[in-house]
PDB file of N, CA and C in Angstrom:
ATOM      1  N   UNK A   1      92.784  87.554  81.438  1.00  0.00           N
ATOM      2  CA  UNK A   1      93.592  86.300  82.293  1.00  0.00           C
ATOM      3  C   UNK A   1      93.618  86.834  83.829  1.00  0.00           C
ATOM      4  N   UNK A   2      93.279  85.822  84.889  1.00  0.00           N
ATOM      5  CA  UNK A   2      93.348  85.916  86.275  1.00  0.00           C
ATOM      6  C   UNK A   2      95.112  86.340  86.426  1.00  0.00           C
ATOM      7  N   UNK A   3      95.252  86.915  87.554  1.00  0.00           N
ATOM      8  CA  UNK A   3      96.622  87.165  88.158  1.00  0.00           C
ATOM      9  C   UNK A   3      97.220  85.738  88.760  1.00  0.00           C
ATOM     10  N   UNK A   4      96.271  84.988  89.173  1.00  0.00           N
ATOM     11  CA  UNK A   4      96.867  83.579  89.507  1.00  0.00           C
ATOM     12  C   UNK A   4      97.099  82.763  88.272  1.00  0.00           C
ATOM     13  N   UNK A   5      96.421  82.796  87.085  1.00  0.00           N
ATOM     14  CA  UNK A   5      96.470  82.000  86.156  1.00  0.00           C
ATOM     15  C   UNK A   5      97.906  82.271  85.578  1.00  0.00           C
ATOM     16  N   UNK A   6      98.093  83.594  85.460  1.00  0.00           N
ATOM     17  CA  UNK A   6      99.515  84.120  84.840  1.00  0.00           C
ATOM     18  C   UNK A   6     100.298  83.822  86.072  1.00  0.00           C
ATOM     19  N   UNK A   7     100.444  83.981  87.087  1.00  0.00           N
ATOM     20  CA  UNK A   7     101.422  83.272  87.962  1.00  0.00           C
ATOM     21  C   UNK A   7     101.751  81.975  87.963  1.00  0.00           C
ATOM     22  N   UNK A   8     100.788  81.097  87.582  1.00  0.00           N
ATOM     23  CA  UNK A   8     100.844  79.493  87.367  1.00  0.00           C
ATOM     24  C   UNK A   8     101.595  79.320  86.437  1.00  0.00           C
ATOM     25  N   UNK A   9     101.366  80.131  85.091  1.00  0.00           N
ATOM     26  CA  UNK A   9     101.941  80.008  84.150  1.00  0.00           C
ATOM     27  C   UNK A   9     103.671  80.425  83.864  1.00  0.00           C
ATOM     28  N   UNK A  10     103.848  81.281  84.604  1.00  0.00           N
ATOM     29  CA  UNK A  10     105.215  81.651  84.549  1.00  0.00           C
ATOM     30  C   UNK A  10     105.881  80.965  85.978  1.00  0.00           C
ATOM     31  N   UNK A  11     105.292  80.111  86.868  1.00  0.00           N
ATOM     32  CA  UNK A  11     106.073  79.371  87.874  1.00  0.00           C
ATOM     33  C   UNK A  11     106.228  80.428  89.077  1.00  0.00           C
ATOM     34  N   UNK A  12     105.270  81.208  89.267  1.00  0.00           N
ATOM     35  CA  UNK A  12     105.242  82.222  90.433  1.00  0.00           C
ATOM     36  C   UNK A  12     104.195  82.307  91.291  1.00  0.00           C
ATOM     37  N   UNK A  13     104.357  82.133  92.563  1.00  0.00           N
ATOM     38  CA  UNK A  13     103.324  81.858  93.510  1.00  0.00           C
ATOM     39  C   UNK A  13     103.094  83.402  94.249  1.00  0.00           C
ATOM     40  N   UNK A  14     101.598  83.891  94.297  1.00  0.00           N
ATOM     41  CA  UNK A  14     101.209  84.886  95.212  1.00  0.00           C
ATOM     42  C   UNK A  14     100.264  84.498  95.837  1.00  0.00           C
ATOM     43  N   UNK A  15     100.544  84.498  97.448  1.00  0.00           N
ATOM     44  CA  UNK A  15      99.618  84.242  98.206  1.00  0.00           C
ATOM     45  C   UNK A  15      99.361  85.345  99.433  1.00  0.00           C
ATOM     46  N   UNK A  16      98.255  85.350  99.783  1.00  0.00           N
ATOM     47  CA  UNK A  16      97.745  86.516 100.908  1.00  0.00           C
ATOM     48  C   UNK A  16      98.113  85.729 102.322  1.00  0.00           C
ATOM     49  N   UNK A  17      99.122  85.942 102.886  1.00  0.00           N
ATOM     50  CA  UNK A  17      99.598  85.537 104.332  1.00  0.00           C
ATOM     51  C   UNK A  17      98.552  85.660 105.373  1.00  0.00           C
ATOM     52  N   UNK A  18      97.656  86.866 105.201  1.00  0.00           N
ATOM     53  CA  UNK A  18      96.641  86.899 106.071  1.00  0.00           C
ATOM     54  C   UNK A  18      95.340  86.206 105.961  1.00  0.00           C
ATOM     55  N   UNK A  19      95.524  85.326 105.055  1.00  0.00           N
ATOM     56  CA  UNK A  19      94.228  84.528 104.719  1.00  0.00           C
ATOM     57  C   UNK A  19      94.747  83.135 104.923  1.00  0.00           C
ATOM     58  N   UNK A  20      95.684  82.680 105.318  1.00  0.00           N
ATOM     59  CA  UNK A  20      96.005  81.326 105.089  1.00  0.00           C
ATOM     60  C   UNK A  20      95.510  80.718 106.667  1.00  0.00           C
ATOM     61  N   UNK A  21      95.128  79.696 106.608  1.00  0.00           N
ATOM     62  CA  UNK A  21      94.752  79.096 108.123  1.00  0.00           C
ATOM     63  C   UNK A  21      95.921  78.096 108.580  1.00  0.00           C
ATOM     64  N   UNK A  22      96.284  78.124 109.716  1.00  0.00           N
ATOM     65  CA  UNK A  22      97.509  77.322 110.190  1.00  0.00           C
ATOM     66  C   UNK A  22      96.790  76.084 110.850  1.00  0.00           C
ATOM     67  N   UNK A  23      97.359  75.188 110.508  1.00  0.00           N
ATOM     68  CA  UNK A  23      97.240  73.699 111.550  1.00  0.00           C
ATOM     69  C   UNK A  23      97.620  73.902 112.905  1.00  0.00           C
ATOM     70  N   UNK A  24      96.973  73.681 113.889  1.00  0.00           N
ATOM     71  CA  UNK A  24      97.228  73.811 115.411  1.00  0.00           C
ATOM     72  C   UNK A  24      97.702  72.228 115.767  1.00  0.00           C
ATOM     73  N   UNK A  25      98.854  72.549 116.521  1.00  0.00           N
ATOM     74  CA  UNK A  25      99.320  71.256 117.351  1.00  0.00           C
ATOM     75  C   UNK A  25      99.550  71.412 119.045  1.00  0.00           C
ATOM     76  N   UNK A  26      99.804  70.293 119.436  1.00  0.00           N
ATOM     77  CA  UNK A  26      99.958  70.391 120.824  1.00  0.00           C
ATOM     78  C   UNK A  26     101.190  71.523 121.530  1.00  0.00           C
ATOM     79  N   UNK A  27     102.209  71.489 120.535  1.00  0.00           N
ATOM     80  CA  UNK A  27     103.385  72.168 121.034  1.00  0.00           C
ATOM     81  C   UNK A  27     103.189  73.813 120.619  1.00  0.00           C
ATOM     82  N   UNK A  28     101.908  74.228 120.278  1.00  0.00           N
ATOM     83  CA  UNK A  28     101.492  75.466 120.030  1.00  0.00           C
ATOM     84  C   UNK A  28     102.488  76.195 119.145  1.00  0.00           C
ATOM     85  N   UNK A  29     102.857  75.385 118.102  1.00  0.00           N
ATOM     86  CA  UNK A  29     103.688  75.947 116.928  1.00  0.00           C
ATOM     87  C   UNK A  29     103.134  75.403 115.717  1.00  0.00           C
ATOM     88  N   UNK A  30     102.946  76.379 114.817  1.00  0.00           N
ATOM     89  CA  UNK A  30     102.069  75.921 113.392  1.00  0.00           C
ATOM     90  C   UNK A  30     102.999  76.424 112.434  1.00  0.00           C
ATOM     91  N   UNK A  31     103.201  75.459 111.559  1.00  0.00           N
ATOM     92  CA  UNK A  31     104.032  75.812 110.186  1.00  0.00           C
ATOM     93  C   UNK A  31     103.403  75.597 108.952  1.00  0.00           C
ATOM     94  N   UNK A  32     103.164  76.291 108.121  1.00  0.00           N
ATOM     95  CA  UNK A  32     102.902  76.201 106.876  1.00  0.00           C
ATOM     96  C   UNK A  32     103.713  76.289 105.667  1.00  0.00           C
ATOM     97  N   UNK A  33     104.091  75.122 104.973  1.00  0.00           N
ATOM     98  CA  UNK A  33     105.054  75.695 103.859  1.00  0.00           C
ATOM     99  C   UNK A  33     104.444  76.241 102.618  1.00  0.00           C
ATOM    100  N   UNK A  34     104.925  77.453 102.160  1.00  0.00           N
ATOM    101  CA  UNK A  34     104.412  78.021 101.372  1.00  0.00           C
ATOM    102  C   UNK A  34     104.884  77.752  99.780  1.00  0.00           C
ATOM    103  N   UNK A  35     106.369  77.183  99.701  1.00  0.00           N
ATOM    104  CA  UNK A  35     106.687  77.113  98.371  1.00  0.00           C
ATOM    105  C   UNK A  35     108.120  76.227  98.843  1.00  0.00           C
ATOM    106  N   UNK A  36     108.758  75.775  97.807  1.00  0.00           N
ATOM    107  CA  UNK A  36     110.181  75.158  97.858  1.00  0.00           C
ATOM    108  C   UNK A  36     110.641  74.563  96.505  1.00  0.00           C
ATOM    109  N   UNK A  37     112.036  74.978  96.476  1.00  0.00           N
ATOM    110  CA  UNK A  37     112.803  74.464  95.430  1.00  0.00           C
ATOM    111  C   UNK A  37     114.236  74.342  95.721  1.00  0.00           C
ATOM    112  N   UNK A  38     115.084  73.879  94.714  1.00  0.00           N
ATOM    113  CA  UNK A  38     116.560  73.834  95.372  1.00  0.00           C
ATOM    114  C   UNK A  38     117.467  74.910  95.940  1.00  0.00           C
ATOM    115  N   UNK A  39     116.649  75.844  95.528  1.00  0.00           N
ATOM    116  CA  UNK A  39     117.334  77.474  96.178  1.00  0.00           C
ATOM    117  C   UNK A  39     117.089  77.790  97.334  1.00  0.00           C
ATOM    118  N   UNK A  40     115.745  77.424  97.924  1.00  0.00           N
ATOM    119  CA  UNK A  40     114.957  77.954  99.118  1.00  0.00           C
ATOM    120  C   UNK A  40     113.703  77.571  99.379  1.00  0.00           C
ATOM    121  N   UNK A  41     113.261  77.593 100.636  1.00  0.00           N
ATOM    122  CA  UNK A  41     111.995  76.964 101.022  1.00  0.00           C
ATOM    123  C   UNK A  41     111.322  78.106 101.929  1.00  0.00           C
ATOM    124  N   UNK A  42     110.270  78.313 101.593  1.00  0.00           N
ATOM    125  CA  UNK A  42     109.656  79.336 102.476  1.00  0.00           C
ATOM    126  C   UNK A  42     108.356  78.997 103.465  1.00  0.00           C
ATOM    127  N   UNK A  43     108.381  79.314 104.693  1.00  0.00           N
ATOM    128  CA  UNK A  43     107.313  78.913 105.518  1.00  0.00           C
ATOM    129  C   UNK A  43     106.570  80.009 106.104  1.00  0.00           C
ATOM    130  N   UNK A  44     105.290  79.900 106.494  1.00  0.00           N
ATOM    131  CA  UNK A  44     104.632  80.886 107.513  1.00  0.00           C
ATOM    132  C   UNK A  44     104.376  79.982 108.840  1.00  0.00           C
ATOM    133  N   UNK A  45     105.325  80.745 109.846  1.00  0.00           N
ATOM    134  CA  UNK A  45     105.147  80.158 111.126  1.00  0.00           C
ATOM    135  C   UNK A  45     104.351  80.922 112.328  1.00  0.00           C
ATOM    136  N   UNK A  46     103.702  80.191 113.014  1.00  0.00           N
ATOM    137  CA  UNK A  46     102.723  80.926 113.941  1.00  0.00           C
ATOM    138  C   UNK A  46     103.446  80.477 115.296  1.00  0.00           C
ATOM    139  N   UNK A  47     103.860  81.148 116.308  1.00  0.00           N
ATOM    140  CA  UNK A  47     104.451  80.608 117.556  1.00  0.00           C
ATOM    141  C   UNK A  47     103.705  81.204 118.803  1.00  0.00           C
ATOM    142  N   UNK A  48     103.019  80.413 119.632  1.00  0.00           N
ATOM    143  CA  UNK A  48     102.183  80.752 120.542  1.00  0.00           C
ATOM    144  C   UNK A  48     103.189  81.348 121.977  1.00  0.00           C
ATOM    145  N   UNK A  49     104.293  80.338 122.130  1.00  0.00           N
ATOM    146  CA  UNK A  49     105.183  80.175 123.362  1.00  0.00           C
ATOM    147  C   UNK A  49     106.449  80.825 123.057  1.00  0.00           C
ATOM    148  N   UNK A  50     107.279  79.424 122.410  1.00  0.00           N
ATOM    149  CA  UNK A  50     108.598  80.081 122.386  1.00  0.00           C
ATOM    150  C   UNK A  50     109.073  79.028 121.385  1.00  0.00           C
ATOM    151  N   UNK A  51     110.463  79.015 120.754  1.00  0.00           N
ATOM    152  CA  UNK A  51     111.084  78.083 119.878  1.00  0.00           C
ATOM    153  C   UNK A  51     112.608  78.166 120.564  1.00  0.00           C
ATOM    154  N   UNK A  52     112.988  77.044 121.289  1.00  0.00           N
ATOM    155  CA  UNK A  52     114.105  76.599 121.878  1.00  0.00           C
ATOM    156  C   UNK A  52     115.287  77.031 121.087  1.00  0.00           C
ATOM    157  N   UNK A  53     116.403  77.364 121.636  1.00  0.00           N
ATOM    158  CA  UNK A  53     117.487  77.929 120.953  1.00  0.00           C
ATOM    159  C   UNK A  53     118.224  76.626 120.207  1.00  0.00           C
ATOM    160  N   UNK A  54     118.349  76.845 118.780  1.00  0.00           N
ATOM    161  CA  UNK A  54     118.900  75.748 117.720  1.00  0.00           C
ATOM    162  C   UNK A  54     119.616  76.531 116.675  1.00  0.00           C
ATOM    163  N   UNK A  55     120.354  75.665 115.947  1.00  0.00           N
ATOM    164  CA  UNK A  55     121.218  76.195 114.780  1.00  0.00           C
ATOM    165  C   UNK A  55     120.765  75.135 113.528  1.00  0.00           C
ATOM    166  N   UNK A  56     121.082  75.677 112.514  1.00  0.00           N
ATOM    167  CA  UNK A  56     120.993  75.114 111.115  1.00  0.00           C
ATOM    168  C   UNK A  56     122.406  75.103 110.616  1.00  0.00           C
ATOM    169  N   UNK A  57     122.904  74.029 110.483  1.00  0.00           N
ATOM    170  CA  UNK A  57     124.361  73.827 110.165  1.00  0.00           C
ATOM    171  C   UNK A  57     124.690  74.037 108.701  1.00  0.00           C
ATOM    172  N   UNK A  58     123.566  73.914 107.880  1.00  0.00           N
ATOM    173  CA  UNK A  58     123.924  74.036 106.367  1.00  0.00           C
ATOM    174  C   UNK A  58     122.701  75.015 105.616  1.00  0.00           C
ATOM    175  N   UNK A  59     122.064  75.738 106.625  1.00  0.00           N
ATOM    176  CA  UNK A  59     121.049  76.710 105.869  1.00  0.00           C
ATOM    177  C   UNK A  59     121.386  78.149 106.448  1.00  0.00           C
ATOM    178  N   UNK A  60     121.030  79.138 105.938  1.00  0.00           N
ATOM    179  CA  UNK A  60     120.936  80.448 106.395  1.00  0.00           C
ATOM    180  C   UNK A  60     119.306  80.710 106.452  1.00  0.00           C
ATOM    181  N   UNK A  61     119.036  81.376 107.588  1.00  0.00           N
ATOM    182  CA  UNK A  61     117.140  81.595 107.871  1.00  0.00           C
ATOM    183  C   UNK A  61     117.148  83.081 107.787  1.00  0.00           C
ATOM    184  N   UNK A  62     116.280  83.421 106.891  1.00  0.00           N
ATOM    185  CA  UNK A  62     115.649  84.854 106.925  1.00  0.00           C
ATOM    186  C   UNK A  62     114.239  84.993 107.343  1.00  0.00           C
ATOM    187  N   UNK A  63     114.244  85.777 108.480  1.00  0.00           N
ATOM    188  CA  UNK A  63     112.881  85.997 109.248  1.00  0.00           C
ATOM    189  C   UNK A  63     112.362  87.427 109.037  1.00  0.00           C
ATOM    190  N   UNK A  64     111.184  87.431 108.705  1.00  0.00           N
ATOM    191  CA  UNK A  64     110.391  88.881 108.771  1.00  0.00           C
ATOM    192  C   UNK A  64     109.371  88.405 109.792  1.00  0.00           C
ATOM    193  N   UNK A  65     109.288  89.474 110.739  1.00  0.00           N
ATOM    194  CA  UNK A  65     107.848  89.427 111.668  1.00  0.00           C
ATOM    195  C   UNK A  65     106.775  90.078 111.005  1.00  0.00           C
ATOM    196  N   UNK A  66     105.521  89.341 110.836  1.00  0.00           N
ATOM    197  CA  UNK A  66     104.243  89.875 110.413  1.00  0.00           C
ATOM    198  C   UNK A  66     103.580  90.293 111.644  1.00  0.00           C
ATOM    199  N   UNK A  67     103.485  89.694 112.830  1.00  0.00           N
ATOM    200  CA  UNK A  67     102.351  90.056 113.924  1.00  0.00           C
ATOM    201  C   UNK A  67     103.405  89.613 115.009  1.00  0.00           C
ATOM    202  N   UNK A  68     102.912  90.324 116.072  1.00  0.00           N
ATOM    203  CA  UNK A  68     103.345  89.915 117.721  1.00  0.00           C
ATOM    204  C   UNK A  68     104.660  90.469 117.702  1.00  0.00           C
ATOM    205  N   UNK A  69     105.239  90.046 119.075  1.00  0.00           N
ATOM    206  CA  UNK A  69     106.737  90.484 119.545  1.00  0.00           C
ATOM    207  C   UNK A  69     107.029  89.663 120.361  1.00  0.00           C
ATOM    208  N   UNK A  70     108.337  89.524 120.436  1.00  0.00           N
ATOM    209  CA  UNK A  70     109.210  88.508 121.318  1.00  0.00           C
ATOM    210  C   UNK A  70     110.642  88.988 121.854  1.00  0.00           C
ATOM    211  N   UNK A  71     110.999  88.198 122.394  1.00  0.00           N
ATOM    212  CA  UNK A  71     112.666  88.478 122.938  1.00  0.00           C
ATOM    213  C   UNK A  71     113.303  87.202 122.069  1.00  0.00           C
ATOM    214  N   UNK A  72     114.115  87.639 121.201  1.00  0.00           N
ATOM    215  CA  UNK A  72     114.918  86.525 120.451  1.00  0.00           C
ATOM    216  C   UNK A  72     116.395  86.615 120.905  1.00  0.00           C
ATOM    217  N   UNK A  73     117.099  85.421 121.053  1.00  0.00           N
ATOM    218  CA  UNK A  73     118.071  85.451 121.441  1.00  0.00           C
ATOM    219  C   UNK A  73     119.122  84.944 119.937  1.00  0.00           C
ATOM    220  N   UNK A  74     120.170  85.640 119.671  1.00  0.00           N
ATOM    221  CA  UNK A  74     120.800  85.233 118.315  1.00  0.00           C
ATOM    222  C   UNK A  74     122.192  85.250 119.018  1.00  0.00           C
ATOM    223  N   UNK A  75     123.163  84.081 118.769  1.00  0.00           N
ATOM    224  CA  UNK A  75     124.246  83.919 119.469  1.00  0.00           C
ATOM    225  C   UNK A  75     124.010  84.235 120.760  1.00  0.00           C
ATOM    226  N   UNK A  76     124.758  85.112 121.583  1.00  0.00           N
ATOM    227  CA  UNK A  76     124.413  85.289 123.043  1.00  0.00           C
ATOM    228  C   UNK A  76     123.632  86.639 123.123  1.00  0.00           C
ATOM    229  N   UNK A  77     123.309  87.270 122.050  1.00  0.00           N
ATOM    230  CA  UNK A  77     122.361  88.586 122.413  1.00  0.00           C
ATOM    231  C   UNK A  77     121.293  88.386 122.414  1.00  0.00           C
ATOM    232  N   UNK A  78     120.552  89.150 123.521  1.00  0.00           N
ATOM    233  CA  UNK A  78     118.829  89.230 123.541  1.00  0.00           C
ATOM    234  C   UNK A  78     118.088  90.474 122.681  1.00  0.00           C
ATOM    235  N   UNK A  79     117.680  90.270 121.857  1.00  0.00           N
ATOM    236  CA  UNK A  79     117.041  91.386 121.129  1.00  0.00           C
ATOM    237  C   UNK A  79     115.562  91.258 121.057  1.00  0.00           C
ATOM    238  N   UNK A  80     115.073  92.512 121.167  1.00  0.00           N
ATOM    239  CA  UNK A  80     113.462  92.833 121.014  1.00  0.00           C
ATOM    240  C   UNK A  80     113.030  92.683 119.536  1.00  0.00           C
ATOM    241  N   UNK A  81     111.928  91.827 119.220  1.00  0.00           N
ATOM    242  CA  UNK A  81     111.761  91.730 117.938  1.00  0.00           C
ATOM    243  C   UNK A  81     110.096  92.298 117.778  1.00  0.00           C
ATOM    244  N   UNK A  82     109.737  92.829 116.809  1.00  0.00           N
ATOM    245  CA  UNK A  82     108.169  93.181 116.742  1.00  0.00           C
ATOM    246  C   UNK A  82     107.892  93.371 115.049  1.00  0.00           C
ATOM    247  N   UNK A  83     106.720  93.441 114.695  1.00  0.00           N
ATOM    248  CA  UNK A  83     106.146  93.510 113.449  1.00  0.00           C
ATOM    249  C   UNK A  83     107.236  94.345 112.744  1.00  0.00           C
ATOM    250  N   UNK A  84     107.347  93.888 111.590  1.00  0.00           N
ATOM    251  CA  UNK A  84     107.980  94.914 110.531  1.00  0.00           C
ATOM    252  C   UNK A  84     109.614  94.458 110.606  1.00  0.00           C
ATOM    253  N   UNK A  85     110.205  93.689 111.736  1.00  0.00           N
ATOM    254  CA  UNK A  85     111.433  93.434 111.841  1.00  0.00           C
ATOM    255  C   UNK A  85     111.971  92.252 110.733  1.00  0.00           C
ATOM    256  N   UNK A  86     113.495  92.437 110.490  1.00  0.00           N
ATOM    257  CA  UNK A  86     113.908  91.685 109.408  1.00  0.00           C
ATOM    258  C   UNK A  86     115.178  91.064 110.118  1.00  0.00           C
ATOM    259  N   UNK A  87     115.049  89.793 110.277  1.00  0.00           N
ATOM    260  CA  UNK A  87     116.291  89.168 110.811  1.00  0.00           C
ATOM    261  C   UNK A  87     116.989  88.002 109.808  1.00  0.00           C
ATOM    262  N   UNK A  88     118.413  88.404 109.632  1.00  0.00           N
ATOM    263  CA  UNK A  88     119.013  87.318 108.535  1.00  0.00           C
ATOM    264  C   UNK A  88     120.054  86.360 109.966  1.00  0.00           C
ATOM    265  N   UNK A  89     119.747  85.295 109.849  1.00  0.00           N
ATOM    266  CA  UNK A  89     120.615  84.254 110.946  1.00  0.00           C
ATOM    267  C   UNK A  89     121.386  83.202 110.088  1.00  0.00           C
ATOM    268  N   UNK A  90     122.951  83.680 109.842  1.00  0.00           N
ATOM    269  CA  UNK A  90     123.561  82.572 108.907  1.00  0.00           C
ATOM    270  C   UNK A  90     123.515  81.336 109.491  1.00  0.00           C
ATOM    271  N   UNK A  91     123.918  80.246 108.949  1.00  0.00           N
ATOM    272  CA  UNK A  91     124.490  79.145 109.397  1.00  0.00           C
ATOM    273  C   UNK A  91     125.325  79.015 110.614  1.00  0.00           C
ATOM    274  N   UNK A  92     124.898  77.831 111.342  1.00  0.00           N
ATOM    275  CA  UNK A  92     125.870  77.661 112.433  1.00  0.00           C
ATOM    276  C   UNK A  92     125.526  78.686 113.781  1.00  0.00           C
ATOM    277  N   UNK A  93     124.448  79.525 113.419  1.00  0.00           N
ATOM    278  CA  UNK A  93     124.212  80.711 114.379  1.00  0.00           C
ATOM    279  C   UNK A  93     123.108  80.403 115.464  1.00  0.00           C
ATOM    280  N   UNK A  94     123.568  80.164 116.819  1.00  0.00           N
ATOM    281  CA  UNK A  94     122.281  79.704 117.680  1.00  0.00           C
ATOM    282  C   UNK A  94     121.180  80.879 117.670  1.00  0.00           C
ATOM    283  N   UNK A  95     119.853  80.422 117.632  1.00  0.00           N
ATOM    284  CA  UNK A  95     118.855  81.636 117.566  1.00  0.00           C
ATOM    285  C   UNK A  95     117.597  80.761 118.211  1.00  0.00           C
ATOM    286  N   UNK A  96     116.835  81.564 119.002  1.00  0.00           N
ATOM    287  CA  UNK A  96     115.677  80.980 119.458  1.00  0.00           C
ATOM    288  C   UNK A  96     114.842  82.271 119.716  1.00  0.00           C
ATOM    289  N   UNK A  97     113.341  81.767 120.097  1.00  0.00           N
ATOM    290  CA  UNK A  97     112.622  83.101 120.512  1.00  0.00           C
ATOM    291  C   UNK A  97     111.605  82.695 121.594  1.00  0.00           C
ATOM    292  N   UNK A  98     111.246  83.853 122.378  1.00  0.00           N
ATOM    293  CA  UNK A  98     110.177  83.784 123.529  1.00  0.00           C
ATOM    294  C   UNK A  98     109.128  84.644 123.272  1.00  0.00           C
ATOM    295  N   UNK A  99     107.862  84.341 122.941  1.00  0.00           N
ATOM    296  CA  UNK A  99     106.842  85.352 122.794  1.00  0.00           C
ATOM    297  C   UNK A  99     106.535  86.349 123.711  1.00  0.00           C
ATOM    298  N   UNK A 100     106.452  87.275 123.580  1.00  0.00           N
ATOM    299  CA  UNK A 100     105.988  88.473 124.703  1.00  0.00           C
ATOM    300  C   UNK A 100     104.970  89.128 124.629  1.00  0.00           C
ATOM    301  N   UNK A 101     104.219  88.959 123.312  1.00  0.00           N
ATOM    302  CA  UNK A 101     102.922  89.757 122.902  1.00  0.00           C
ATOM    303  C   UNK A 101     101.801  88.656 123.481  1.00  0.00           C
ATOM    304  N   UNK A 102     100.683  89.182 123.706  1.00  0.00           N
ATOM    305  CA  UNK A 102      99.426  88.741 123.705  1.00  0.00           C
ATOM    306  C   UNK A 102      98.905  87.708 122.743  1.00  0.00           C
ATOM    307  N   UNK A 103      99.263  87.882 121.464  1.00  0.00           N
ATOM    308  CA  UNK A 103      98.937  87.195 120.421  1.00  0.00           C
ATOM    309  C   UNK A 103      99.942  86.463 119.973  1.00  0.00           C
ATOM    310  N   UNK A 104      99.934  85.241 119.194  1.00  0.00           N
ATOM    311  CA  UNK A 104     101.117  84.658 118.533  1.00  0.00           C
ATOM    312  C   UNK A 104     101.907  85.303 117.646  1.00  0.00           C
ATOM    313  N   UNK A 105     103.406  85.121 117.830  1.00  0.00           N
ATOM    314  CA  UNK A 105     104.287  85.732 116.857  1.00  0.00           C
ATOM    315  C   UNK A 105     104.052  84.923 115.424  1.00  0.00           C
ATOM    316  N   UNK A 106     103.956  85.733 114.492  1.00  0.00           N
ATOM    317  CA  UNK A 106     103.747  85.118 113.253  1.00  0.00           C
ATOM    318  C   UNK A 106     104.838  85.795 112.337  1.00  0.00           C
ATOM    319  N   UNK A 107     105.600  84.805 111.543  1.00  0.00           N
ATOM    320  CA  UNK A 107     106.504  85.136 110.824  1.00  0.00           C
ATOM    321  C   UNK A 107     106.766  84.439 109.476  1.00  0.00           C
ATOM    322  N   UNK A 108     107.496  85.012 108.633  1.00  0.00           N
ATOM    323  CA  UNK A 108     107.699  84.443 107.235  1.00  0.00           C
ATOM    324  C   UNK A 108     109.103  84.004 107.564  1.00  0.00           C
ATOM    325  N   UNK A 109     109.479  82.618 107.294  1.00  0.00           N
ATOM    326  CA  UNK A 109     110.678  82.315 107.547  1.00  0.00           C
ATOM    327  C   UNK A 109     111.288  81.858 106.033  1.00  0.00           C
ATOM    328  N   UNK A 110     112.466  82.249 105.732  1.00  0.00           N
ATOM    329  CA  UNK A 110     112.993  81.670 104.513  1.00  0.00           C
ATOM    330  C   UNK A 110     114.222  81.032 104.610  1.00  0.00           C
ATOM    331  N   UNK A 111     114.291  79.693 104.319  1.00  0.00           N
ATOM    332  CA  UNK A 111     115.582  78.808 104.570  1.00  0.00           C
ATOM    333  C   UNK A 111     116.318  78.659 103.187  1.00  0.00           C
ATOM    334  N   UNK A 112     117.405  78.917 103.004  1.00  0.00           N
ATOM    335  CA  UNK A 112     118.461  78.709 101.931  1.00  0.00           C
ATOM    336  C   UNK A 112     119.690  77.870 102.218  1.00  0.00           C
ATOM    337  N   UNK A 113     119.807  76.939 101.257  1.00  0.00           N
ATOM    338  CA  UNK A 113     119.212  76.496 100.310  1.00  0.00           C
ATOM    339  C   UNK A 113     117.924  75.390 100.705  1.00  0.00           C
ATOM    340  N   UNK A 114     117.586  75.247  99.975  1.00  0.00           N
ATOM    341  CA  UNK A 114     116.015  74.357 100.295  1.00  0.00           C
ATOM    342  C   UNK A 114     116.295  73.436 101.288  1.00  0.00           C
ATOM    343  N   UNK A 115     114.976  73.629 102.462  1.00  0.00           N
ATOM    344  CA  UNK A 115     115.058  73.192 103.866  1.00  0.00           C
ATOM    345  C   UNK A 115     113.951  71.521 103.783  1.00  0.00           C
ATOM    346  N   UNK A 116     114.794  70.645 103.950  1.00  0.00           N
ATOM    347  CA  UNK A 116     114.027  69.541 103.929  1.00  0.00           C
ATOM    348  C   UNK A 116     113.700  68.735 105.182  1.00  0.00           C
ATOM    349  N   UNK A 117     113.906  69.785 106.250  1.00  0.00           N
ATOM    350  CA  UNK A 117     113.385  69.395 107.928  1.00  0.00           C
ATOM    351  C   UNK A 117     114.209  68.554 108.485  1.00  0.00           C
ATOM    352  N   UNK A 118     115.466  68.520 108.044  1.00  0.00           N
ATOM    353  CA  UNK A 118     116.340  67.680 108.892  1.00  0.00           C
ATOM    354  C   UNK A 118     117.758  68.594 109.404  1.00  0.00           C
ATOM    355  N   UNK A 119     117.962  69.701 109.232  1.00  0.00           N
ATOM    356  CA  UNK A 119     118.797  70.599 109.536  1.00  0.00           C
ATOM    357  C   UNK A 119     118.221  71.650 110.945  1.00  0.00           C
ATOM    358  N   UNK A 120     117.861  71.061 111.854  1.00  0.00           N
ATOM    359  CA  UNK A 120     117.568  71.789 113.181  1.00  0.00           C
ATOM    360  C   UNK A 120     117.977  71.143 114.200  1.00  0.00           C
ATOM    361  N   UNK A 121     119.160  71.873 114.852  1.00  0.00           N
ATOM    362  CA  UNK A 121     120.046  71.140 115.749  1.00  0.00           C
ATOM    363  C   UNK A 121     119.669  71.848 117.354  1.00  0.00           C
ATOM    364  N   UNK A 122     119.074  71.302 118.293  1.00  0.00           N
ATOM    365  CA  UNK A 122     118.705  72.108 119.427  1.00  0.00           C
ATOM    366  C   UNK A 122     120.295  72.331 120.353  1.00  0.00           C
ATOM    367  N   UNK A 123     120.216  73.448 120.687  1.00  0.00           N
ATOM    368  CA  UNK A 123     121.388  73.976 121.721  1.00  0.00           C
ATOM    369  C   UNK A 123     121.125  73.848 123.237  1.00  0.00           C
ATOM    370  N   UNK A 124     122.120  73.079 123.929  1.00  0.00           N
ATOM    371  CA  UNK A 124     121.726  72.975 125.344  1.00  0.00           C
ATOM    372  C   UNK A 124     121.927  74.397 125.995  1.00  0.00           C
TER     373      UNK A 124
END
């Protein structure tokens, strides 16, 4: 049996994030949903420029940096982020990022509980 068949049979997903192709849009932000259930949603996100400061009122966001670098604001702190960094952002925590690398910032983002696209509130 192949690994993909076994994973499908037990409800597990295995994806190679390096081989996924992102959809490009005018905002230079690409989001690919990898999976979702009532407990969590997983996304592969590619950011060419920035994500403005925002909060999630009902979600914790876990971010793992796959490629690139940036200046990330979490609450009022500015933090340099790079490949290999792990960031846990609790609900109601202002956060945003400005890309500083020549290539886009590529991240794995896990939202918990399930994210349905309506809990992103921009901060002035």
